[in-house]
Amino acid sequence: MAQTLSSQALATSSLTVTSEVVMTYAELTDDFNPLHVDAEFAATTPMGRQIAHGTTSLCLIWQCLQRNFGGAALSTVDLDVRFVKPVYIGDVVTAGGEPCTDQPGQWNVWVRGGDGTDRIVGTFSLRSPGDTIQGASDGRN
């Protein structure tokens, strides 16, 4: 059941990243960058091994927000995130969040690995329906 903004932490969403998850995401997005899909190539890069597509983890944040606020709320989300650490095949990642204590109506959101390290960090808030998205064009030149 969707909740309203409160002082509670968000219910989390998790994913175990497997080769199958990475290949399925590559097929869905038509993103076959060898860093994601070719273990031999990825081993020669600074990452040292295959990494998941960053947006795979970002999708966990969207799933978490949908779980907590309902699908209709997703059209009113302002989300600002930063990718801080790669996600590797075999990682278990979890998305969640908690209210900002100094910014009412804003939440800190994150994706964390099983070791507790942040992989994505950011904030989100819900706009009122009809509010324009910050930075979006209104179609006028």
N, C-alpha and C. Protein backbone atom coordinates (compact mmCIF):
# COMPACT_ATOMS: atom_id res chain seq x y z
N MET A 1 0.84 -1.19 0.00
CA MET A 1 0.00 0.00 0.00
C MET A 1 0.88 1.24 0.00
N ALA A 2 0.55 2.23 -0.81
CA ALA A 2 1.34 3.45 -0.91
C ALA A 2 1.20 4.27 0.36
N GLN A 3 2.31 4.88 0.74
CA GLN A 3 2.31 5.71 1.94
C GLN A 3 2.37 7.18 1.57
N THR A 4 2.22 8.03 2.54
CA THR A 4 2.41 9.46 2.34
C THR A 4 3.75 9.82 2.94
N LEU A 5 4.23 11.01 2.59
CA LEU A 5 5.50 11.44 3.15
C LEU A 5 5.39 11.48 4.67
N SER A 6 6.36 10.88 5.31
CA SER A 6 6.35 10.81 6.77
C SER A 6 7.78 10.74 7.24
N SER A 7 7.94 10.42 8.49
CA SER A 7 9.29 10.31 9.05
C SER A 7 9.81 8.88 8.98
N GLN A 8 9.12 8.00 8.27
CA GLN A 8 9.52 6.60 8.19
C GLN A 8 10.48 6.36 7.04
N ALA A 9 11.37 5.40 7.23
CA ALA A 9 12.24 4.96 6.15
C ALA A 9 11.40 4.27 5.08
N LEU A 10 11.86 4.31 3.86
CA LEU A 10 11.16 3.65 2.77
C LEU A 10 11.33 2.14 2.83
N ALA A 11 10.30 1.41 2.44
CA ALA A 11 10.44 -0.03 2.24
C ALA A 11 11.41 -0.21 1.07
N THR A 12 12.32 -1.15 1.19
CA THR A 12 13.40 -1.30 0.23
C THR A 12 13.05 -2.24 -0.92
N SER A 13 13.85 -2.17 -1.97
CA SER A 13 13.79 -3.10 -3.10
C SER A 13 15.21 -3.60 -3.34
N SER A 14 15.35 -4.91 -3.58
CA SER A 14 16.68 -5.50 -3.75
C SER A 14 16.77 -6.32 -5.02
N LEU A 15 18.01 -6.53 -5.46
CA LEU A 15 18.30 -7.31 -6.65
C LEU A 15 19.64 -7.99 -6.50
N THR A 16 19.71 -9.25 -6.85
CA THR A 16 20.98 -9.95 -6.99
C THR A 16 21.38 -9.83 -8.46
N VAL A 17 22.52 -9.21 -8.72
CA VAL A 17 22.97 -8.97 -10.08
C VAL A 17 23.69 -10.22 -10.59
N THR A 18 23.14 -10.80 -11.64
CA THR A 18 23.71 -11.99 -12.26
C THR A 18 24.06 -11.68 -13.71
N SER A 19 24.79 -12.57 -14.35
CA SER A 19 25.07 -12.41 -15.79
C SER A 19 23.77 -12.37 -16.58
N GLU A 20 22.80 -13.17 -16.16
CA GLU A 20 21.51 -13.18 -16.84
C GLU A 20 20.80 -11.83 -16.71
N VAL A 21 20.85 -11.22 -15.54
CA VAL A 21 20.24 -9.90 -15.35
C VAL A 21 20.91 -8.89 -16.27
N VAL A 22 22.23 -8.91 -16.33
CA VAL A 22 22.97 -7.97 -17.16
C VAL A 22 22.63 -8.17 -18.64
N MET A 23 22.60 -9.42 -19.11
CA MET A 23 22.30 -9.67 -20.52
C MET A 23 20.85 -9.32 -20.85
N THR A 24 19.93 -9.60 -19.95
CA THR A 24 18.53 -9.24 -20.19
C THR A 24 18.39 -7.72 -20.29
N TYR A 25 19.07 -7.00 -19.40
CA TYR A 25 19.01 -5.54 -19.45
C TYR A 25 19.66 -5.02 -20.72
N ALA A 26 20.76 -5.62 -21.15
CA ALA A 26 21.41 -5.23 -22.41
C ALA A 26 20.45 -5.41 -23.58
N GLU A 27 19.73 -6.52 -23.60
CA GLU A 27 18.77 -6.76 -24.67
C GLU A 27 17.61 -5.77 -24.64
N LEU A 28 17.12 -5.46 -23.45
CA LEU A 28 16.01 -4.51 -23.32
C LEU A 28 16.39 -3.11 -23.77
N THR A 29 17.63 -2.72 -23.49
CA THR A 29 18.07 -1.35 -23.77
C THR A 29 18.91 -1.24 -25.03
N ASP A 30 19.24 -2.37 -25.65
CA ASP A 30 20.13 -2.41 -26.81
C ASP A 30 21.49 -1.77 -26.48
N ASP A 31 21.95 -2.01 -25.26
CA ASP A 31 23.24 -1.51 -24.79
C ASP A 31 24.16 -2.70 -24.53
N PHE A 32 24.93 -3.04 -25.54
CA PHE A 32 25.82 -4.19 -25.45
C PHE A 32 27.28 -3.75 -25.26
N ASN A 33 27.48 -2.66 -24.53
CA ASN A 33 28.84 -2.20 -24.22
C ASN A 33 29.60 -3.38 -23.64
N PRO A 34 30.79 -3.69 -24.18
CA PRO A 34 31.53 -4.85 -23.70
C PRO A 34 31.91 -4.78 -22.21
N LEU A 35 31.92 -3.60 -21.64
CA LEU A 35 32.19 -3.48 -20.21
C LEU A 35 31.12 -4.21 -19.39
N HIS A 36 29.94 -4.31 -19.97
CA HIS A 36 28.83 -4.99 -19.29
C HIS A 36 28.70 -6.46 -19.68
N VAL A 37 28.98 -6.79 -20.95
CA VAL A 37 28.61 -8.11 -21.45
C VAL A 37 29.78 -9.01 -21.83
N ASP A 38 31.01 -8.51 -21.78
CA ASP A 38 32.17 -9.30 -22.21
C ASP A 38 33.19 -9.37 -21.07
N ALA A 39 33.21 -10.51 -20.39
CA ALA A 39 34.09 -10.67 -19.21
C ALA A 39 35.56 -10.48 -19.57
N GLU A 40 35.99 -11.00 -20.71
CA GLU A 40 37.40 -10.87 -21.10
C GLU A 40 37.77 -9.42 -21.34
N PHE A 41 36.93 -8.70 -22.07
CA PHE A 41 37.18 -7.27 -22.30
C PHE A 41 37.17 -6.50 -20.98
N ALA A 42 36.14 -6.73 -20.17
CA ALA A 42 36.00 -5.98 -18.91
C ALA A 42 37.21 -6.18 -18.01
N ALA A 43 37.83 -7.35 -18.05
CA ALA A 43 39.01 -7.63 -17.22
C ALA A 43 40.19 -6.74 -17.60
N THR A 44 40.20 -6.19 -18.81
CA THR A 44 41.31 -5.33 -19.25
C THR A 44 41.08 -3.86 -18.94
N THR A 45 39.94 -3.53 -18.36
CA THR A 45 39.59 -2.13 -18.09
C THR A 45 39.93 -1.77 -16.64
N PRO A 46 39.91 -0.49 -16.30
CA PRO A 46 40.15 -0.09 -14.91
C PRO A 46 39.16 -0.70 -13.91
N MET A 47 37.97 -1.12 -14.38
CA MET A 47 36.99 -1.75 -13.50
C MET A 47 37.46 -3.15 -13.10
N GLY A 48 38.24 -3.80 -13.97
CA GLY A 48 38.80 -5.11 -13.66
C GLY A 48 37.89 -6.29 -13.90
N ARG A 49 36.61 -6.03 -14.09
CA ARG A 49 35.64 -7.08 -14.35
C ARG A 49 34.33 -6.45 -14.83
N GLN A 50 33.39 -7.28 -15.23
CA GLN A 50 32.12 -6.78 -15.74
C GLN A 50 31.38 -5.97 -14.68
N ILE A 51 30.74 -4.90 -15.13
CA ILE A 51 29.86 -4.13 -14.25
C ILE A 51 28.46 -4.12 -14.84
N ALA A 52 27.49 -3.99 -13.97
CA ALA A 52 26.10 -3.86 -14.41
C ALA A 52 25.88 -2.47 -14.99
N HIS A 53 24.92 -2.35 -15.87
CA HIS A 53 24.51 -1.03 -16.36
C HIS A 53 24.08 -0.19 -15.17
N GLY A 54 24.52 1.05 -15.12
CA GLY A 54 24.16 1.91 -13.99
C GLY A 54 22.66 2.08 -13.84
N THR A 55 21.97 2.12 -14.97
CA THR A 55 20.53 2.33 -14.89
C THR A 55 19.78 1.11 -14.37
N THR A 56 20.44 -0.05 -14.34
CA THR A 56 19.82 -1.21 -13.69
C THR A 56 19.59 -0.90 -12.22
N SER A 57 20.61 -0.36 -11.58
CA SER A 57 20.49 0.01 -10.17
C SER A 57 19.55 1.18 -9.98
N LEU A 58 19.58 2.11 -10.90
CA LEU A 58 18.67 3.25 -10.82
C LEU A 58 17.22 2.78 -10.87
N CYS A 59 16.95 1.76 -11.66
CA CYS A 59 15.59 1.20 -11.72
C CYS A 59 15.12 0.71 -10.35
N LEU A 60 16.06 0.27 -9.51
CA LEU A 60 15.67 -0.16 -8.16
C LEU A 60 15.12 1.01 -7.35
N ILE A 61 15.68 2.21 -7.55
CA ILE A 61 15.14 3.38 -6.84
C ILE A 61 13.71 3.63 -7.30
N TRP A 62 13.48 3.58 -8.61
CA TRP A 62 12.12 3.77 -9.12
C TRP A 62 11.18 2.71 -8.57
N GLN A 63 11.64 1.47 -8.50
CA GLN A 63 10.82 0.40 -7.94
C GLN A 63 10.50 0.67 -6.47
N CYS A 64 11.48 1.12 -5.73
CA CYS A 64 11.29 1.46 -4.32
C CYS A 64 10.26 2.58 -4.16
N LEU A 65 10.38 3.62 -4.99
CA LEU A 65 9.44 4.73 -4.92
C LEU A 65 8.02 4.28 -5.29
N GLN A 66 7.91 3.45 -6.31
CA GLN A 66 6.59 2.93 -6.68
C GLN A 66 6.00 2.10 -5.55
N ARG A 67 6.81 1.29 -4.93
CA ARG A 67 6.35 0.44 -3.83
C ARG A 67 5.83 1.29 -2.66
N ASN A 68 6.47 2.41 -2.43
CA ASN A 68 6.12 3.23 -1.27
C ASN A 68 5.05 4.28 -1.54
N PHE A 69 4.98 4.79 -2.77
CA PHE A 69 4.08 5.91 -3.05
C PHE A 69 3.07 5.63 -4.15
N GLY A 70 3.15 4.46 -4.78
CA GLY A 70 2.22 4.10 -5.84
C GLY A 70 2.69 4.59 -7.20
N GLY A 71 2.22 3.92 -8.23
CA GLY A 71 2.64 4.23 -9.58
C GLY A 71 2.27 5.63 -10.03
N ALA A 72 1.11 6.12 -9.61
CA ALA A 72 0.68 7.46 -10.03
C ALA A 72 1.63 8.54 -9.54
N ALA A 73 2.27 8.33 -8.40
CA ALA A 73 3.18 9.33 -7.83
C ALA A 73 4.46 9.47 -8.66
N LEU A 74 4.81 8.45 -9.44
CA LEU A 74 6.08 8.50 -10.18
C LEU A 74 6.14 9.64 -11.17
N SER A 75 5.00 10.08 -11.67
CA SER A 75 5.00 11.20 -12.63
C SER A 75 5.24 12.54 -11.94
N THR A 76 5.24 12.56 -10.61
CA THR A 76 5.46 13.81 -9.89
C THR A 76 6.76 13.81 -9.09
N VAL A 77 7.65 12.87 -9.41
CA VAL A 77 8.91 12.75 -8.68
C VAL A 77 9.98 13.63 -9.31
N ASP A 78 10.68 14.40 -8.49
CA ASP A 78 11.92 15.05 -8.88
C ASP A 78 13.03 14.23 -8.25
N LEU A 79 13.85 13.62 -9.08
CA LEU A 79 14.90 12.72 -8.63
C LEU A 79 16.24 13.24 -9.10
N ASP A 80 17.19 13.35 -8.18
CA ASP A 80 18.54 13.82 -8.49
C ASP A 80 19.51 12.84 -7.85
N VAL A 81 20.25 12.10 -8.68
CA VAL A 81 21.15 11.07 -8.16
C VAL A 81 22.54 11.20 -8.75
N ARG A 82 23.47 10.54 -8.06
CA ARG A 82 24.86 10.47 -8.50
C ARG A 82 25.32 9.03 -8.34
N PHE A 83 25.97 8.51 -9.38
CA PHE A 83 26.53 7.16 -9.34
C PHE A 83 27.91 7.25 -8.70
N VAL A 84 28.11 6.57 -7.57
CA VAL A 84 29.37 6.74 -6.82
C VAL A 84 30.27 5.52 -6.83
N LYS A 85 29.75 4.35 -7.17
CA LYS A 85 30.56 3.15 -7.18
C LYS A 85 29.89 2.12 -8.09
N PRO A 86 30.68 1.36 -8.85
CA PRO A 86 30.06 0.39 -9.76
C PRO A 86 29.42 -0.78 -9.03
N VAL A 87 28.52 -1.43 -9.76
CA VAL A 87 27.87 -2.65 -9.29
C VAL A 87 28.39 -3.79 -10.16
N TYR A 88 28.90 -4.82 -9.51
CA TYR A 88 29.50 -5.96 -10.21
C TYR A 88 28.54 -7.15 -10.23
N ILE A 89 28.77 -8.04 -11.19
CA ILE A 89 28.03 -9.29 -11.21
C ILE A 89 28.32 -10.03 -9.90
N GLY A 90 27.27 -10.52 -9.29
CA GLY A 90 27.38 -11.19 -8.00
C GLY A 90 26.99 -10.31 -6.83
N ASP A 91 26.95 -8.98 -7.05
CA ASP A 91 26.54 -8.07 -5.97
C ASP A 91 25.05 -8.19 -5.69
N VAL A 92 24.69 -7.99 -4.44
CA VAL A 92 23.30 -7.82 -4.05
C VAL A 92 23.16 -6.34 -3.71
N VAL A 93 22.26 -5.67 -4.40
CA VAL A 93 22.07 -4.24 -4.17
C VAL A 93 20.66 -3.98 -3.69
N THR A 94 20.54 -2.97 -2.84
CA THR A 94 19.25 -2.62 -2.24
C THR A 94 19.04 -1.12 -2.34
N ALA A 95 17.85 -0.73 -2.79
CA ALA A 95 17.47 0.68 -2.86
C ALA A 95 16.55 1.00 -1.69
N GLY A 96 16.73 2.18 -1.13
CA GLY A 96 15.89 2.64 -0.04
C GLY A 96 16.07 4.13 0.17
N GLY A 97 15.57 4.60 1.27
CA GLY A 97 15.69 6.02 1.56
C GLY A 97 15.09 6.37 2.91
N GLU A 98 15.37 7.61 3.29
CA GLU A 98 14.82 8.14 4.53
C GLU A 98 14.59 9.64 4.36
N PRO A 99 13.66 10.20 5.11
CA PRO A 99 13.38 11.63 4.97
C PRO A 99 14.58 12.48 5.37
N CYS A 100 14.77 13.59 4.64
CA CYS A 100 15.79 14.56 5.03
C CYS A 100 15.29 15.29 6.27
N THR A 101 16.10 15.33 7.29
CA THR A 101 15.66 15.98 8.53
C THR A 101 15.62 17.50 8.39
N ASP A 102 16.40 18.06 7.48
CA ASP A 102 16.46 19.51 7.34
C ASP A 102 15.69 20.04 6.13
N GLN A 103 15.06 19.17 5.34
CA GLN A 103 14.30 19.57 4.16
C GLN A 103 12.96 18.85 4.13
N PRO A 104 11.93 19.39 4.75
CA PRO A 104 10.62 18.73 4.73
C PRO A 104 10.18 18.44 3.29
N GLY A 105 9.64 17.26 3.07
CA GLY A 105 9.17 16.88 1.74
C GLY A 105 10.26 16.35 0.82
N GLN A 106 11.49 16.28 1.32
CA GLN A 106 12.59 15.74 0.51
C GLN A 106 13.14 14.50 1.20
N TRP A 107 13.56 13.53 0.41
CA TRP A 107 14.08 12.28 0.92
C TRP A 107 15.47 12.03 0.38
N ASN A 108 16.35 11.48 1.21
CA ASN A 108 17.62 10.94 0.74
C ASN A 108 17.35 9.54 0.24
N VAL A 109 17.81 9.22 -0.96
CA VAL A 109 17.65 7.88 -1.52
C VAL A 109 19.02 7.32 -1.86
N TRP A 110 19.10 6.01 -1.93
CA TRP A 110 20.38 5.35 -2.16
C TRP A 110 20.17 3.96 -2.72
N VAL A 111 21.22 3.47 -3.34
CA VAL A 111 21.36 2.06 -3.66
C VAL A 111 22.65 1.65 -2.97
N ARG A 112 22.59 0.60 -2.18
CA ARG A 112 23.75 0.12 -1.43
C ARG A 112 24.03 -1.33 -1.75
N GLY A 113 25.33 -1.65 -1.73
CA GLY A 113 25.73 -3.04 -1.90
C GLY A 113 25.53 -3.81 -0.61
N GLY A 114 25.70 -5.11 -0.68
CA GLY A 114 25.57 -5.96 0.49
C GLY A 114 26.58 -5.63 1.57
N ASP A 115 27.68 -4.97 1.18
CA ASP A 115 28.70 -4.56 2.15
C ASP A 115 28.37 -3.21 2.79
N GLY A 116 27.23 -2.62 2.43
CA GLY A 116 26.80 -1.36 3.01
C GLY A 116 27.32 -0.12 2.31
N THR A 117 28.14 -0.29 1.27
CA THR A 117 28.67 0.89 0.58
C THR A 117 27.65 1.43 -0.42
N ASP A 118 27.62 2.75 -0.52
CA ASP A 118 26.72 3.41 -1.46
C ASP A 118 27.18 3.17 -2.88
N ARG A 119 26.25 2.88 -3.76
CA ARG A 119 26.52 2.75 -5.20
C ARG A 119 25.88 3.92 -5.94
N ILE A 120 24.69 4.34 -5.48
CA ILE A 120 24.01 5.53 -5.98
C ILE A 120 23.52 6.29 -4.76
N VAL A 121 23.64 7.62 -4.79
CA VAL A 121 23.10 8.47 -3.72
C VAL A 121 22.36 9.63 -4.37
N GLY A 122 21.38 10.15 -3.66
CA GLY A 122 20.66 11.29 -4.19
C GLY A 122 19.49 11.69 -3.33
N THR A 123 18.63 12.50 -3.92
CA THR A 123 17.43 12.99 -3.23
C THR A 123 16.24 12.91 -4.17
N PHE A 124 15.07 12.87 -3.57
CA PHE A 124 13.85 12.99 -4.36
C PHE A 124 12.82 13.77 -3.56
N SER A 125 11.91 14.38 -4.29
CA SER A 125 10.75 15.02 -3.69
C SER A 125 9.59 14.81 -4.65
N LEU A 126 8.39 14.98 -4.13
CA LEU A 126 7.18 14.87 -4.93
C LEU A 126 6.66 16.26 -5.24
N ARG A 127 6.45 16.54 -6.52
CA ARG A 127 5.84 17.79 -6.94
C ARG A 127 4.33 17.65 -6.87
N SER A 128 3.65 18.74 -6.76
CA SER A 128 2.19 18.72 -6.88
C SER A 128 1.86 18.47 -8.35
N PRO A 129 0.82 17.68 -8.62
CA PRO A 129 0.43 17.48 -10.02
C PRO A 129 0.20 18.83 -10.70
N GLY A 130 0.72 18.97 -11.91
CA GLY A 130 0.57 20.23 -12.63
C GLY A 130 1.78 21.14 -12.51
N ASP A 131 2.63 20.94 -11.49
CA ASP A 131 3.85 21.73 -11.39
C ASP A 131 4.77 21.35 -12.54
N THR A 132 5.50 22.33 -13.06
CA THR A 132 6.44 22.01 -14.12
C THR A 132 7.70 21.40 -13.52
N ILE A 133 8.35 20.58 -14.31
CA ILE A 133 9.59 19.94 -13.88
C ILE A 133 10.71 20.97 -13.97
N GLN A 134 11.47 21.07 -12.93
CA GLN A 134 12.57 22.03 -12.87
C GLN A 134 13.51 21.78 -14.04
N GLY A 135 13.78 22.84 -14.81
CA GLY A 135 14.71 22.73 -15.93
C GLY A 135 14.06 22.26 -17.21
N ALA A 136 12.79 21.89 -17.17
CA ALA A 136 12.12 21.42 -18.38
C ALA A 136 11.65 22.60 -19.23
N SER A 137 11.67 22.40 -20.52
CA SER A 137 11.21 23.44 -21.43
C SER A 137 9.70 23.45 -21.45
N ASP A 138 9.14 24.64 -21.54
CA ASP A 138 7.68 24.75 -21.66
C ASP A 138 7.25 24.83 -23.11
N GLY A 139 8.22 24.63 -24.05
CA GLY A 139 7.90 24.64 -25.45
C GLY A 139 8.04 26.00 -26.10
N ARG A 140 8.25 27.05 -25.31
CA ARG A 140 8.43 28.39 -25.86
C ARG A 140 9.92 28.64 -26.05
N ASN A 141 10.27 29.38 -27.08
CA ASN A 141 11.68 29.73 -27.33
C ASN A 141 12.01 31.07 -26.75
